[in-house]
PDB file of N, CA and C in Angstrom:
ATOM      1  N   MET A   1       0.847  -1.182   0.000  1.00  0.00           N
ATOM      2  CA  MET A   1       0.000   0.000   0.000  1.00  0.00           C
ATOM      3  C   MET A   1       0.886   1.237   0.000  1.00  0.00           C
ATOM      4  N   LYS A   2       0.484   2.220  -0.749  1.00  0.00           N
ATOM      5  CA  LYS A   2       1.208   3.490  -0.810  1.00  0.00           C
ATOM      6  C   LYS A   2       0.488   4.530   0.043  1.00  0.00           C
ATOM      7  N   ASN A   3       1.259   5.289   0.783  1.00  0.00           N
ATOM      8  CA  ASN A   3       0.715   6.376   1.595  1.00  0.00           C
ATOM      9  C   ASN A   3       0.878   7.681   0.834  1.00  0.00           C
ATOM     10  N   ILE A   4      -0.249   8.328   0.548  1.00  0.00           N
ATOM     11  CA  ILE A   4      -0.252   9.556  -0.232  1.00  0.00           C
ATOM     12  C   ILE A   4      -0.694  10.699   0.674  1.00  0.00           C
ATOM     13  N   LEU A   5       0.165  11.702   0.799  1.00  0.00           N
ATOM     14  CA  LEU A   5      -0.107  12.867   1.632  1.00  0.00           C
ATOM     15  C   LEU A   5      -0.638  13.980   0.739  1.00  0.00           C
ATOM     16  N   LEU A   6      -1.788  14.523   1.105  1.00  0.00           N
ATOM     17  CA  LEU A   6      -2.440  15.579   0.339  1.00  0.00           C
ATOM     18  C   LEU A   6      -2.561  16.831   1.188  1.00  0.00           C
ATOM     19  N   LEU A   7      -2.022  17.929   0.678  1.00  0.00           N
ATOM     20  CA  LEU A   7      -2.198  19.222   1.328  1.00  0.00           C
ATOM     21  C   LEU A   7      -3.611  19.709   1.062  1.00  0.00           C
ATOM     22  N   ILE A   8      -4.350  19.958   2.134  1.00  0.00           N
ATOM     23  CA  ILE A   8      -5.694  20.514   2.039  1.00  0.00           C
ATOM     24  C   ILE A   8      -5.622  21.952   2.514  1.00  0.00           C
ATOM     25  N   HIS A   9      -6.104  22.832   1.680  1.00  0.00           N
ATOM     26  CA  HIS A   9      -6.243  24.240   2.047  1.00  0.00           C
ATOM     27  C   HIS A   9      -7.185  24.853   1.038  1.00  0.00           C
ATOM     28  N   ASP A  10      -8.120  25.660   1.511  1.00  0.00           N
ATOM     29  CA  ASP A  10      -9.138  26.252   0.649  1.00  0.00           C
ATOM     30  C   ASP A  10      -8.501  27.340  -0.206  1.00  0.00           C
ATOM     31  N   ASP A  11      -7.916  26.901  -1.331  1.00  0.00           N
ATOM     32  CA  ASP A  11      -7.260  27.829  -2.243  1.00  0.00           C
ATOM     33  C   ASP A  11      -7.523  27.406  -3.681  1.00  0.00           C
ATOM     34  N   GLU A  12      -6.958  28.131  -4.601  1.00  0.00           N
ATOM     35  CA  GLU A  12      -7.185  27.920  -6.024  1.00  0.00           C
ATOM     36  C   GLU A  12      -6.771  26.526  -6.506  1.00  0.00           C
ATOM     37  N   GLY A  13      -5.764  25.947  -5.922  1.00  0.00           N
ATOM     38  CA  GLY A  13      -5.263  24.662  -6.388  1.00  0.00           C
ATOM     39  C   GLY A  13      -5.848  23.438  -5.717  1.00  0.00           C
ATOM     40  N   GLN A  14      -6.743  23.636  -4.763  1.00  0.00           N
ATOM     41  CA  GLN A  14      -7.233  22.509  -3.976  1.00  0.00           C
ATOM     42  C   GLN A  14      -7.917  21.438  -4.824  1.00  0.00           C
ATOM     43  N   GLU A  15      -8.790  21.805  -5.727  1.00  0.00           N
ATOM     44  CA  GLU A  15      -9.529  20.809  -6.507  1.00  0.00           C
ATOM     45  C   GLU A  15      -8.585  19.974  -7.368  1.00  0.00           C
ATOM     46  N   ALA A  16      -7.594  20.603  -7.985  1.00  0.00           N
ATOM     47  CA  ALA A  16      -6.629  19.857  -8.796  1.00  0.00           C
ATOM     48  C   ALA A  16      -5.824  18.901  -7.926  1.00  0.00           C
ATOM     49  N   ARG A  17      -5.390  19.369  -6.757  1.00  0.00           N
ATOM     50  CA  ARG A  17      -4.645  18.490  -5.834  1.00  0.00           C
ATOM     51  C   ARG A  17      -5.504  17.301  -5.431  1.00  0.00           C
ATOM     52  N   LEU A  18      -6.766  17.576  -5.095  1.00  0.00           N
ATOM     53  CA  LEU A  18      -7.666  16.514  -4.647  1.00  0.00           C
ATOM     54  C   LEU A  18      -7.882  15.477  -5.744  1.00  0.00           C
ATOM     55  N   GLN A  19      -8.160  15.928  -6.957  1.00  0.00           N
ATOM     56  CA  GLN A  19      -8.408  14.984  -8.055  1.00  0.00           C
ATOM     57  C   GLN A  19      -7.174  14.135  -8.354  1.00  0.00           C
ATOM     58  N   ALA A  20      -5.999  14.766  -8.365  1.00  0.00           N
ATOM     59  CA  ALA A  20      -4.766  14.012  -8.596  1.00  0.00           C
ATOM     60  C   ALA A  20      -4.551  12.979  -7.492  1.00  0.00           C
ATOM     61  N   ALA A  21      -4.779  13.383  -6.251  1.00  0.00           N
ATOM     62  CA  ALA A  21      -4.583  12.478  -5.119  1.00  0.00           C
ATOM     63  C   ALA A  21      -5.574  11.319  -5.160  1.00  0.00           C
ATOM     64  N   LEU A  22      -6.818  11.593  -5.485  1.00  0.00           N
ATOM     65  CA  LEU A  22      -7.814  10.521  -5.568  1.00  0.00           C
ATOM     66  C   LEU A  22      -7.462   9.529  -6.672  1.00  0.00           C
ATOM     67  N   ASP A  23      -7.081  10.041  -7.838  1.00  0.00           N
ATOM     68  CA  ASP A  23      -6.712   9.158  -8.945  1.00  0.00           C
ATOM     69  C   ASP A  23      -5.518   8.280  -8.580  1.00  0.00           C
ATOM     70  N   LEU A  24      -4.497   8.877  -7.988  1.00  0.00           N
ATOM     71  CA  LEU A  24      -3.311   8.111  -7.602  1.00  0.00           C
ATOM     72  C   LEU A  24      -3.613   7.102  -6.492  1.00  0.00           C
ATOM     73  N   THR A  25      -4.404   7.514  -5.522  1.00  0.00           N
ATOM     74  CA  THR A  25      -4.736   6.612  -4.413  1.00  0.00           C
ATOM     75  C   THR A  25      -5.482   5.391  -4.931  1.00  0.00           C
ATOM     76  N   ARG A  26      -6.421   5.608  -5.848  1.00  0.00           N
ATOM     77  CA  ARG A  26      -7.152   4.478  -6.427  1.00  0.00           C
ATOM     78  C   ARG A  26      -6.205   3.584  -7.243  1.00  0.00           C
ATOM     79  N   ALA A  27      -5.393   4.198  -8.095  1.00  0.00           N
ATOM     80  CA  ALA A  27      -4.514   3.433  -8.972  1.00  0.00           C
ATOM     81  C   ALA A  27      -3.492   2.606  -8.190  1.00  0.00           C
ATOM     82  N   LEU A  28      -3.037   3.139  -7.062  1.00  0.00           N
ATOM     83  CA  LEU A  28      -2.022   2.461  -6.262  1.00  0.00           C
ATOM     84  C   LEU A  28      -2.609   1.625  -5.131  1.00  0.00           C
ATOM     85  N   ASN A  29      -3.951   1.626  -5.021  1.00  0.00           N
ATOM     86  CA  ASN A  29      -4.623   0.949  -3.906  1.00  0.00           C
ATOM     87  C   ASN A  29      -4.008   1.426  -2.594  1.00  0.00           C
ATOM     88  N   GLY A  30      -3.904   2.759  -2.469  1.00  0.00           N
ATOM     89  CA  GLY A  30      -3.203   3.361  -1.344  1.00  0.00           C
ATOM     90  C   GLY A  30      -4.100   3.930  -0.268  1.00  0.00           C
ATOM     91  N   HIS A  31      -3.462   4.653   0.613  1.00  0.00           N
ATOM     92  CA  HIS A  31      -4.132   5.352   1.711  1.00  0.00           C
ATOM     93  C   HIS A  31      -3.889   6.843   1.534  1.00  0.00           C
ATOM     94  N   LEU A  32      -4.964   7.619   1.542  1.00  0.00           N
ATOM     95  CA  LEU A  32      -4.876   9.068   1.380  1.00  0.00           C
ATOM     96  C   LEU A  32      -4.872   9.735   2.750  1.00  0.00           C
ATOM     97  N   SER A  33      -3.783  10.421   3.061  1.00  0.00           N
ATOM     98  CA  SER A  33      -3.676  11.176   4.313  1.00  0.00           C
ATOM     99  C   SER A  33      -3.844  12.652   3.987  1.00  0.00           C
ATOM    100  N   CYS A  34      -4.944  13.223   4.440  1.00  0.00           N
ATOM    101  CA  CYS A  34      -5.228  14.634   4.188  1.00  0.00           C
ATOM    102  C   CYS A  34      -4.721  15.455   5.366  1.00  0.00           C
ATOM    103  N   ILE A  35      -3.939  16.465   5.078  1.00  0.00           N
ATOM    104  CA  ILE A  35      -3.475  17.372   6.116  1.00  0.00           C
ATOM    105  C   ILE A  35      -4.029  18.756   5.799  1.00  0.00           C
ATOM    106  N   ASP A  36      -4.948  19.190   6.630  1.00  0.00           N
ATOM    107  CA  ASP A  36      -5.630  20.474   6.447  1.00  0.00           C
ATOM    108  C   ASP A  36      -4.908  21.522   7.287  1.00  0.00           C
ATOM    109  N   VAL A  37      -4.272  22.456   6.602  1.00  0.00           N
ATOM    110  CA  VAL A  37      -3.463  23.460   7.285  1.00  0.00           C
ATOM    111  C   VAL A  37      -4.218  24.775   7.387  1.00  0.00           C
ATOM    112  N   THR A  38      -4.479  25.194   8.610  1.00  0.00           N
ATOM    113  CA  THR A  38      -5.007  26.527   8.862  1.00  0.00           C
ATOM    114  C   THR A  38      -3.803  27.442   8.995  1.00  0.00           C
ATOM    115  N   MET A  39      -3.652  28.319   8.023  1.00  0.00           N
ATOM    116  CA  MET A  39      -2.474  29.178   7.967  1.00  0.00           C
ATOM    117  C   MET A  39      -2.507  30.240   9.060  1.00  0.00           C
ATOM    118  N   VAL A  40      -1.379  30.473   9.673  1.00  0.00           N
ATOM    119  CA  VAL A  40      -1.246  31.516  10.678  1.00  0.00           C
ATOM    120  C   VAL A  40      -0.964  32.832   9.957  1.00  0.00           C
ATOM    121  N   PRO A  41      -1.871  33.804  10.083  1.00  0.00           N
ATOM    122  CA  PRO A  41      -1.640  35.084   9.393  1.00  0.00           C
ATOM    123  C   PRO A  41      -0.610  35.925  10.124  1.00  0.00           C
ATOM    124  N   SER A  42       0.070  36.756   9.368  1.00  0.00           N
ATOM    125  CA  SER A  42       0.984  37.703   9.993  1.00  0.00           C
ATOM    126  C   SER A  42       0.682  39.080   9.416  1.00  0.00           C
ATOM    127  N   ILE A  43       0.519  40.027  10.309  1.00  0.00           N
ATOM    128  CA  ILE A  43       0.200  41.397   9.910  1.00  0.00           C
ATOM    129  C   ILE A  43       1.319  42.292  10.413  1.00  0.00           C
ATOM    130  N   ALA A  44       1.943  43.007   9.495  1.00  0.00           N
ATOM    131  CA  ALA A  44       2.996  43.937   9.886  1.00  0.00           C
ATOM    132  C   ALA A  44       2.420  45.016  10.789  1.00  0.00           C
ATOM    133  N   GLY A  45       3.068  45.268  11.876  1.00  0.00           N
ATOM    134  CA  GLY A  45       2.633  46.306  12.803  1.00  0.00           C
ATOM    135  C   GLY A  45       1.550  45.869  13.769  1.00  0.00           C
ATOM    136  N   ASP A  46       1.172  44.604  13.765  1.00  0.00           N
ATOM    137  CA  ASP A  46       0.141  44.098  14.674  1.00  0.00           C
ATOM    138  C   ASP A  46       0.820  43.650  15.972  1.00  0.00           C
ATOM    139  N   TYR A  47       1.250  44.610  16.756  1.00  0.00           N
ATOM    140  CA  TYR A  47       2.070  44.308  17.931  1.00  0.00           C
ATOM    141  C   TYR A  47       1.307  43.657  19.067  1.00  0.00           C
ATOM    142  N   ASP A  48       0.005  43.906  19.155  1.00  0.00           N
ATOM    143  CA  ASP A  48      -0.743  43.281  20.233  1.00  0.00           C
ATOM    144  C   ASP A  48      -1.396  41.974  19.813  1.00  0.00           C
ATOM    145  N   GLY A  49      -1.354  41.646  18.515  1.00  0.00           N
ATOM    146  CA  GLY A  49      -1.864  40.368  18.029  1.00  0.00           C
ATOM    147  C   GLY A  49      -3.353  40.315  17.811  1.00  0.00           C
ATOM    148  N   ILE A  50      -4.064  41.394  18.049  1.00  0.00           N
ATOM    149  CA  ILE A  50      -5.524  41.376  17.922  1.00  0.00           C
ATOM    150  C   ILE A  50      -5.938  41.145  16.470  1.00  0.00           C
ATOM    151  N   GLY A  51      -5.313  41.864  15.548  1.00  0.00           N
ATOM    152  CA  GLY A  51      -5.641  41.696  14.128  1.00  0.00           C
ATOM    153  C   GLY A  51      -5.349  40.296  13.641  1.00  0.00           C
ATOM    154  N   SER A  52      -4.199  39.757  14.030  1.00  0.00           N
ATOM    155  CA  SER A  52      -3.837  38.398  13.635  1.00  0.00           C
ATOM    156  C   SER A  52      -4.806  37.382  14.222  1.00  0.00           C
ATOM    157  N   ALA A  53      -5.210  37.586  15.460  1.00  0.00           N
ATOM    158  CA  ALA A  53      -6.155  36.665  16.103  1.00  0.00           C
ATOM    159  C   ALA A  53      -7.497  36.671  15.385  1.00  0.00           C
ATOM    160  N   MET A  54      -7.940  37.849  14.957  1.00  0.00           N
ATOM    161  CA  MET A  54      -9.204  37.935  14.233  1.00  0.00           C
ATOM    162  C   MET A  54      -9.098  37.222  12.879  1.00  0.00           C
ATOM    163  N   LEU A  55      -7.984  37.430  12.184  1.00  0.00           N
ATOM    164  CA  LEU A  55      -7.786  36.755  10.902  1.00  0.00           C
ATOM    165  C   LEU A  55      -7.655  35.244  11.078  1.00  0.00           C
ATOM    166  N   LEU A  56      -7.007  34.806  12.150  1.00  0.00           N
ATOM    167  CA  LEU A  56      -6.886  33.381  12.416  1.00  0.00           C
ATOM    168  C   LEU A  56      -8.256  32.769  12.658  1.00  0.00           C
ATOM    169  N   GLY A  57      -9.110  33.477  13.359  1.00  0.00           N
ATOM    170  CA  GLY A  57     -10.478  32.991  13.575  1.00  0.00           C
ATOM    171  C   GLY A  57     -11.231  32.838  12.267  1.00  0.00           C
ATOM    172  N   ASP A  58     -11.090  33.809  11.388  1.00  0.00           N
ATOM    173  CA  ASP A  58     -11.720  33.726  10.068  1.00  0.00           C
ATOM    174  C   ASP A  58     -11.167  32.551   9.273  1.00  0.00           C
ATOM    175  N   GLU A  59      -9.852  32.372   9.329  1.00  0.00           N
ATOM    176  CA  GLU A  59      -9.199  31.273   8.618  1.00  0.00           C
ATOM    177  C   GLU A  59      -9.676  29.930   9.160  1.00  0.00           C
ATOM    178  N   ARG A  60      -9.818  29.811  10.467  1.00  0.00           N
ATOM    179  CA  ARG A  60     -10.314  28.557  11.065  1.00  0.00           C
ATOM    180  C   ARG A  60     -11.734  28.264  10.609  1.00  0.00           C
ATOM    181  N   ASP A  61     -12.581  29.288  10.576  1.00  0.00           N
ATOM    182  CA  ASP A  61     -13.963  29.108  10.121  1.00  0.00           C
ATOM    183  C   ASP A  61     -14.002  28.648   8.670  1.00  0.00           C
ATOM    184  N   ARG A  62     -13.187  29.272   7.822  1.00  0.00           N
ATOM    185  CA  ARG A  62     -13.144  28.912   6.401  1.00  0.00           C
ATOM    186  C   ARG A  62     -12.660  27.470   6.229  1.00  0.00           C
ATOM    187  N   GLU A  63     -11.631  27.088   6.961  1.00  0.00           N
ATOM    188  CA  GLU A  63     -11.115  25.724   6.844  1.00  0.00           C
ATOM    189  C   GLU A  63     -12.079  24.701   7.441  1.00  0.00           C
ATOM    190  N   ALA A  64     -12.828  25.062   8.476  1.00  0.00           N
ATOM    191  CA  ALA A  64     -13.826  24.143   9.037  1.00  0.00           C
ATOM    192  C   ALA A  64     -14.926  23.863   8.017  1.00  0.00           C
ATOM    193  N   ALA A  65     -15.374  24.891   7.319  1.00  0.00           N
ATOM    194  CA  ALA A  65     -16.384  24.711   6.273  1.00  0.00           C
ATOM    195  C   ALA A  65     -15.809  23.873   5.128  1.00  0.00           C
ATOM    196  N   ASN A  66     -14.568  24.127   4.774  1.00  0.00           N
ATOM    197  CA  ASN A  66     -13.898  23.363   3.726  1.00  0.00           C
ATOM    198  C   ASN A  66     -13.787  21.890   4.128  1.00  0.00           C
ATOM    199  N   LYS A  67     -13.443  21.651   5.384  1.00  0.00           N
ATOM    200  CA  LYS A  67     -13.324  20.280   5.881  1.00  0.00           C
ATOM    201  C   LYS A  67     -14.657  19.554   5.795  1.00  0.00           C
ATOM    202  N   ALA A  68     -15.718  20.192   6.220  1.00  0.00           N
ATOM    203  CA  ALA A  68     -17.036  19.561   6.179  1.00  0.00           C
ATOM    204  C   ALA A  68     -17.411  19.175   4.747  1.00  0.00           C
ATOM    205  N   SER A  69     -17.140  20.069   3.821  1.00  0.00           N
ATOM    206  CA  SER A  69     -17.451  19.813   2.416  1.00  0.00           C
ATOM    207  C   SER A  69     -16.620  18.660   1.853  1.00  0.00           C
ATOM    208  N   LEU A  70     -15.316  18.683   2.119  1.00  0.00           N
ATOM    209  CA  LEU A  70     -14.443  17.650   1.566  1.00  0.00           C
ATOM    210  C   LEU A  70     -14.649  16.295   2.226  1.00  0.00           C
ATOM    211  N   GLU A  71     -14.907  16.274   3.518  1.00  0.00           N
ATOM    212  CA  GLU A  71     -15.169  14.989   4.171  1.00  0.00           C
ATOM    213  C   GLU A  71     -16.424  14.343   3.603  1.00  0.00           C
ATOM    214  N   ALA A  72     -17.433  15.142   3.315  1.00  0.00           N
ATOM    215  CA  ALA A  72     -18.651  14.608   2.704  1.00  0.00           C
ATOM    216  C   ALA A  72     -18.345  13.993   1.337  1.00  0.00           C
ATOM    217  N   ARG A  73     -17.456  14.621   0.591  1.00  0.00           N
ATOM    218  CA  ARG A  73     -17.049  14.074  -0.712  1.00  0.00           C
ATOM    219  C   ARG A  73     -16.231  12.802  -0.555  1.00  0.00           C
ATOM    220  N   LEU A  74     -15.285  12.811   0.392  1.00  0.00           N
ATOM    221  CA  LEU A  74     -14.391  11.668   0.551  1.00  0.00           C
ATOM    222  C   LEU A  74     -15.134  10.402   0.965  1.00  0.00           C
ATOM    223  N   VAL A  75     -16.218  10.563   1.699  1.00  0.00           N
ATOM    224  CA  VAL A  75     -17.003   9.406   2.126  1.00  0.00           C
ATOM    225  C   VAL A  75     -17.517   8.630   0.912  1.00  0.00           C
ATOM    226  N   SER A  76     -17.850   9.352  -0.154  1.00  0.00           N
ATOM    227  CA  SER A  76     -18.399   8.688  -1.340  1.00  0.00           C
ATOM    228  C   SER A  76     -17.325   8.260  -2.345  1.00  0.00           C
ATOM    229  N   GLU A  77     -16.084   8.603  -2.111  1.00  0.00           N
ATOM    230  CA  GLU A  77     -14.994   8.181  -2.995  1.00  0.00           C
ATOM    231  C   GLU A  77     -14.548   6.783  -2.594  1.00  0.00           C
ATOM    232  N   ASP A  78     -13.972   6.070  -3.514  1.00  0.00           N
ATOM    233  CA  ASP A  78     -13.562   4.695  -3.277  1.00  0.00           C
ATOM    234  C   ASP A  78     -12.092   4.637  -2.837  1.00  0.00           C
ATOM    235  N   VAL A  79     -11.787   5.325  -1.725  1.00  0.00           N
ATOM    236  CA  VAL A  79     -10.425   5.335  -1.203  1.00  0.00           C
ATOM    237  C   VAL A  79     -10.454   5.253   0.320  1.00  0.00           C
ATOM    238  N   VAL A  80      -9.373   4.729   0.864  1.00  0.00           N
ATOM    239  CA  VAL A  80      -9.167   4.750   2.319  1.00  0.00           C
ATOM    240  C   VAL A  80      -8.483   6.075   2.620  1.00  0.00           C
ATOM    241  N   TRP A  81      -9.002   6.809   3.610  1.00  0.00           N
ATOM    242  CA  TRP A  81      -8.445   8.130   3.892  1.00  0.00           C
ATOM    243  C   TRP A  81      -8.483   8.429   5.382  1.00  0.00           C
ATOM    244  N   SER A  82      -7.652   9.390   5.756  1.00  0.00           N
ATOM    245  CA  SER A  82      -7.639   9.918   7.125  1.00  0.00           C
ATOM    246  C   SER A  82      -7.437  11.421   7.027  1.00  0.00           C
ATOM    247  N   TRP A  83      -7.693  12.120   8.127  1.00  0.00           N
ATOM    248  CA  TRP A  83      -7.670  13.583   8.126  1.00  0.00           C
ATOM    249  C   TRP A  83      -6.944  14.087   9.365  1.00  0.00           C
ATOM    250  N   SER A  84      -6.065  15.069   9.163  1.00  0.00           N
ATOM    251  CA  SER A  84      -5.397  15.743  10.274  1.00  0.00           C
ATOM    252  C   SER A  84      -5.564  17.241  10.109  1.00  0.00           C
ATOM    253  N   ASP A  85      -5.913  17.907  11.204  1.00  0.00           N
ATOM    254  CA  ASP A  85      -6.007  19.367  11.221  1.00  0.00           C
ATOM    255  C   ASP A  85      -4.763  19.928  11.884  1.00  0.00           C
ATOM    256  N   VAL A  86      -4.150  20.924  11.232  1.00  0.00           N
ATOM    257  CA  VAL A  86      -2.934  21.543  11.745  1.00  0.00           C
ATOM    258  C   VAL A  86      -3.072  23.058  11.620  1.00  0.00           C
ATOM    259  N   THR A  87      -2.636  23.777  12.629  1.00  0.00           N
ATOM    260  CA  THR A  87      -2.564  25.235  12.550  1.00  0.00           C
ATOM    261  C   THR A  87      -1.092  25.611  12.545  1.00  0.00           C
ATOM    262  N   GLY A  88      -0.708  26.382  11.549  1.00  0.00           N
ATOM    263  CA  GLY A  88       0.701  26.779  11.463  1.00  0.00           C
ATOM    264  C   GLY A  88       1.065  27.203  10.068  1.00  0.00           C
ATOM    265  N   PHE A  89       2.267  26.857   9.681  1.00  0.00           N
ATOM    266  CA  PHE A  89       2.781  27.187   8.366  1.00  0.00           C
ATOM    267  C   PHE A  89       2.784  25.927   7.514  1.00  0.00           C
ATOM    268  N   ALA A  90       2.363  26.059   6.261  1.00  0.00           N
ATOM    269  CA  ALA A  90       2.168  24.894   5.397  1.00  0.00           C
ATOM    270  C   ALA A  90       3.444  24.082   5.217  1.00  0.00           C
ATOM    271  N   ALA A  91       4.553  24.747   4.944  1.00  0.00           N
ATOM    272  CA  ALA A  91       5.796  24.015   4.688  1.00  0.00           C
ATOM    273  C   ALA A  91       6.172  23.138   5.879  1.00  0.00           C
ATOM    274  N   GLU A  92       6.149  23.711   7.064  1.00  0.00           N
ATOM    275  CA  GLU A  92       6.516  22.950   8.256  1.00  0.00           C
ATOM    276  C   GLU A  92       5.535  21.814   8.525  1.00  0.00           C
ATOM    277  N   ALA A  93       4.244  22.072   8.324  1.00  0.00           N
ATOM    278  CA  ALA A  93       3.224  21.049   8.570  1.00  0.00           C
ATOM    279  C   ALA A  93       3.391  19.868   7.619  1.00  0.00           C
ATOM    280  N   VAL A  94       3.637  20.157   6.353  1.00  0.00           N
ATOM    281  CA  VAL A  94       3.814  19.085   5.369  1.00  0.00           C
ATOM    282  C   VAL A  94       5.098  18.309   5.648  1.00  0.00           C
ATOM    283  N   ILE A  95       6.168  18.995   5.948  1.00  0.00           N
ATOM    284  CA  ILE A  95       7.431  18.314   6.237  1.00  0.00           C
ATOM    285  C   ILE A  95       7.275  17.386   7.438  1.00  0.00           C
ATOM    286  N   GLU A  96       6.598  17.852   8.465  1.00  0.00           N
ATOM    287  CA  GLU A  96       6.398  17.021   9.658  1.00  0.00           C
ATOM    288  C   GLU A  96       5.546  15.790   9.351  1.00  0.00           C
ATOM    289  N   ALA A  97       4.524  15.967   8.520  1.00  0.00           N
ATOM    290  CA  ALA A  97       3.627  14.856   8.192  1.00  0.00           C
ATOM    291  C   ALA A  97       4.206  13.922   7.132  1.00  0.00           C
ATOM    292  N   ALA A  98       5.262  14.326   6.456  1.00  0.00           N
ATOM    293  CA  ALA A  98       5.777  13.586   5.308  1.00  0.00           C
ATOM    294  C   ALA A  98       6.592  12.345   5.663  1.00  0.00           C
ATOM    295  N   ALA A  99       6.907  12.154   6.909  1.00  0.00           N
ATOM    296  CA  ALA A  99       7.796  11.044   7.282  1.00  0.00           C
ATOM    297  C   ALA A  99       7.272   9.685   6.815  1.00  0.00           C
ATOM    298  N   LEU A 100       5.972   9.485   6.840  1.00  0.00           N
ATOM    299  CA  LEU A 100       5.406   8.191   6.456  1.00  0.00           C
ATOM    300  C   LEU A 100       4.815   8.191   5.052  1.00  0.00           C
ATOM    301  N   ALA A 101       4.978   9.279   4.320  1.00  0.00           N
ATOM    302  CA  ALA A 101       4.371   9.389   2.992  1.00  0.00           C
ATOM    303  C   ALA A 101       5.299   8.846   1.911  1.00  0.00           C
ATOM    304  N   ASP A 102       4.700   8.145   0.956  1.00  0.00           N
ATOM    305  CA  ASP A 102       5.436   7.701  -0.225  1.00  0.00           C
ATOM    306  C   ASP A 102       5.357   8.750  -1.330  1.00  0.00           C
ATOM    307  N   LEU A 103       4.297   9.540  -1.295  1.00  0.00           N
ATOM    308  CA  LEU A 103       4.059  10.546  -2.319  1.00  0.00           C
ATOM    309  C   LEU A 103       3.343  11.727  -1.677  1.00  0.00           C
ATOM    310  N   ILE A 104       3.737  12.941  -2.049  1.00  0.00           N
ATOM    311  CA  ILE A 104       3.129  14.153  -1.495  1.00  0.00           C
ATOM    312  C   ILE A 104       2.531  14.952  -2.643  1.00  0.00           C
ATOM    313  N   ILE A 105       1.271  15.344  -2.503  1.00  0.00           N
ATOM    314  CA  ILE A 105       0.584  16.118  -3.532  1.00  0.00           C
ATOM    315  C   ILE A 105       0.543  17.575  -3.082  1.00  0.00           C
ATOM    316  N   LEU A 106       1.207  18.440  -3.881  1.00  0.00           N
ATOM    317  CA  LEU A 106       1.238  19.883  -3.625  1.00  0.00           C
ATOM    318  C   LEU A 106       0.718  20.611  -4.856  1.00  0.00           C
ATOM    319  N   ASN A 107       1.086  21.872  -5.012  1.00  0.00           N
ATOM    320  CA  ASN A 107       0.639  22.717  -6.128  1.00  0.00           C
ATOM    321  C   ASN A 107       1.705  22.890  -7.178  1.00  0.00           C
ATOM    322  N   ARG A 108       1.215  23.328  -8.340  1.00  0.00           N
ATOM    323  CA  ARG A 108       2.122  23.870  -9.332  1.00  0.00           C
ATOM    324  C   ARG A 108       2.346  25.331  -8.958  1.00  0.00           C
ATOM    325  N   LYS A 109       3.288  25.978  -9.588  1.00  0.00           N
ATOM    326  CA  LYS A 109       3.526  27.391  -9.319  1.00  0.00           C
ATOM    327  C   LYS A 109       2.407  28.210  -9.953  1.00  0.00           C
ATOM    328  N   LEU A 110       1.768  29.053  -9.178  1.00  0.00           N
ATOM    329  CA  LEU A 110       0.697  29.894  -9.674  1.00  0.00           C
ATOM    330  C   LEU A 110       1.268  31.181 -10.245  1.00  0.00           C
ATOM    331  N   ASP A 111       0.558  31.762 -11.221  1.00  0.00           N
ATOM    332  CA  ASP A 111       1.007  33.020 -11.809  1.00  0.00           C
ATOM    333  C   ASP A 111       1.098  34.129 -10.771  1.00  0.00           C
ATOM    334  N   LEU A 112       0.088  34.224  -9.923  1.00  0.00           N
ATOM    335  CA  LEU A 112       0.072  35.199  -8.835  1.00  0.00           C
ATOM    336  C   LEU A 112      -0.105  34.456  -7.536  1.00  0.00           C
ATOM    337  N   PRO A 113       0.686  34.753  -6.534  1.00  0.00           N
ATOM    338  CA  PRO A 113       0.519  34.047  -5.257  1.00  0.00           C
ATOM    339  C   PRO A 113      -0.827  34.399  -4.624  1.00  0.00           C
ATOM    340  N   PRO A 114      -1.530  33.385  -4.082  1.00  0.00           N
ATOM    341  CA  PRO A 114      -2.796  33.661  -3.414  1.00  0.00           C
ATOM    342  C   PRO A 114      -2.551  34.449  -2.137  1.00  0.00           C
ATOM    343  N   PRO A 115      -3.528  35.254  -1.716  1.00  0.00           N
ATOM    344  CA  PRO A 115      -3.323  36.086  -0.530  1.00  0.00           C
ATOM    345  C   PRO A 115      -3.062  35.292   0.738  1.00  0.00           C
ATOM    346  N   SER A 116      -3.633  34.103   0.852  1.00  0.00           N
ATOM    347  CA  SER A 116      -3.398  33.312   2.079  1.00  0.00           C
ATOM    348  C   SER A 116      -3.012  31.886   1.741  1.00  0.00           C
ATOM    349  N   GLY A 117      -2.300  31.705   0.639  1.00  0.00           N
ATOM    350  CA  GLY A 117      -1.969  30.349   0.215  1.00  0.00           C
ATOM    351  C   GLY A 117      -0.638  29.870   0.729  1.00  0.00           C
ATOM    352  N   PRO A 118      -0.328  28.626   0.449  1.00  0.00           N
ATOM    353  CA  PRO A 118       0.914  28.025   0.918  1.00  0.00           C
ATOM    354  C   PRO A 118       2.114  28.456   0.087  1.00  0.00           C
ATOM    355  N   ILE A 119       2.489  29.719   0.211  1.00  0.00           N
ATOM    356  CA  ILE A 119       3.542  30.331  -0.607  1.00  0.00           C
ATOM    357  C   ILE A 119       4.839  29.513  -0.535  1.00  0.00           C
ATOM    358  N   GLY A 120       5.223  29.070   0.631  1.00  0.00           N
ATOM    359  CA  GLY A 120       6.488  28.375   0.786  1.00  0.00           C
ATOM    360  C   GLY A 120       6.547  27.018   0.123  1.00  0.00           C
ATOM    361  N   LEU A 121       5.436  26.524  -0.420  1.00  0.00           N
ATOM    362  CA  LEU A 121       5.413  25.205  -1.015  1.00  0.00           C
ATOM    363  C   LEU A 121       5.288  25.225  -2.527  1.00  0.00           C
ATOM    364  N   LEU A 122       5.115  26.364  -3.124  1.00  0.00           N
ATOM    365  CA  LEU A 122       4.950  26.433  -4.555  1.00  0.00           C
ATOM    366  C   LEU A 122       6.288  26.168  -5.234  1.00  0.00           C
ATOM    367  N   VAL A 123       6.259  25.341  -6.259  1.00  0.00           N
ATOM    368  CA  VAL A 123       7.489  24.968  -6.948  1.00  0.00           C
ATOM    369  C   VAL A 123       7.371  25.291  -8.438  1.00  0.00           C
ATOM    370  N   ASP A 124       8.526  25.408  -9.099  1.00  0.00           N
ATOM    371  CA  ASP A 124       8.542  25.621 -10.549  1.00  0.00           C
ATOM    372  C   ASP A 124       8.247  24.352 -11.292  1.00  0.00           C
TER     373      ASP A 124
END
């Protein structure tokens, strides 16, 4: 069995990542490990953290809705899967989760970086 790690984040590339991961998981008779990363926002000049905390709350709400939607889809797909929720930075979260993965599904390089996307993981 192959362990396939999929980065989950409500961004422009999510559907392509999901479809690629589902196709590969089925073809390899593997296990799909979804890692849903709630990105930690950083605001220049936010010395008391109030602005960042408000944005983090919004990000958590958006990812919770995304999780509910994707879990409903995954139940009807013909794959074995698991889900992990992580709050932090995408690169570090994926690296930490990658120890048991045979294959990691990330993004292609986007023309314009998304405002809250996994910038540190985009590759050429």
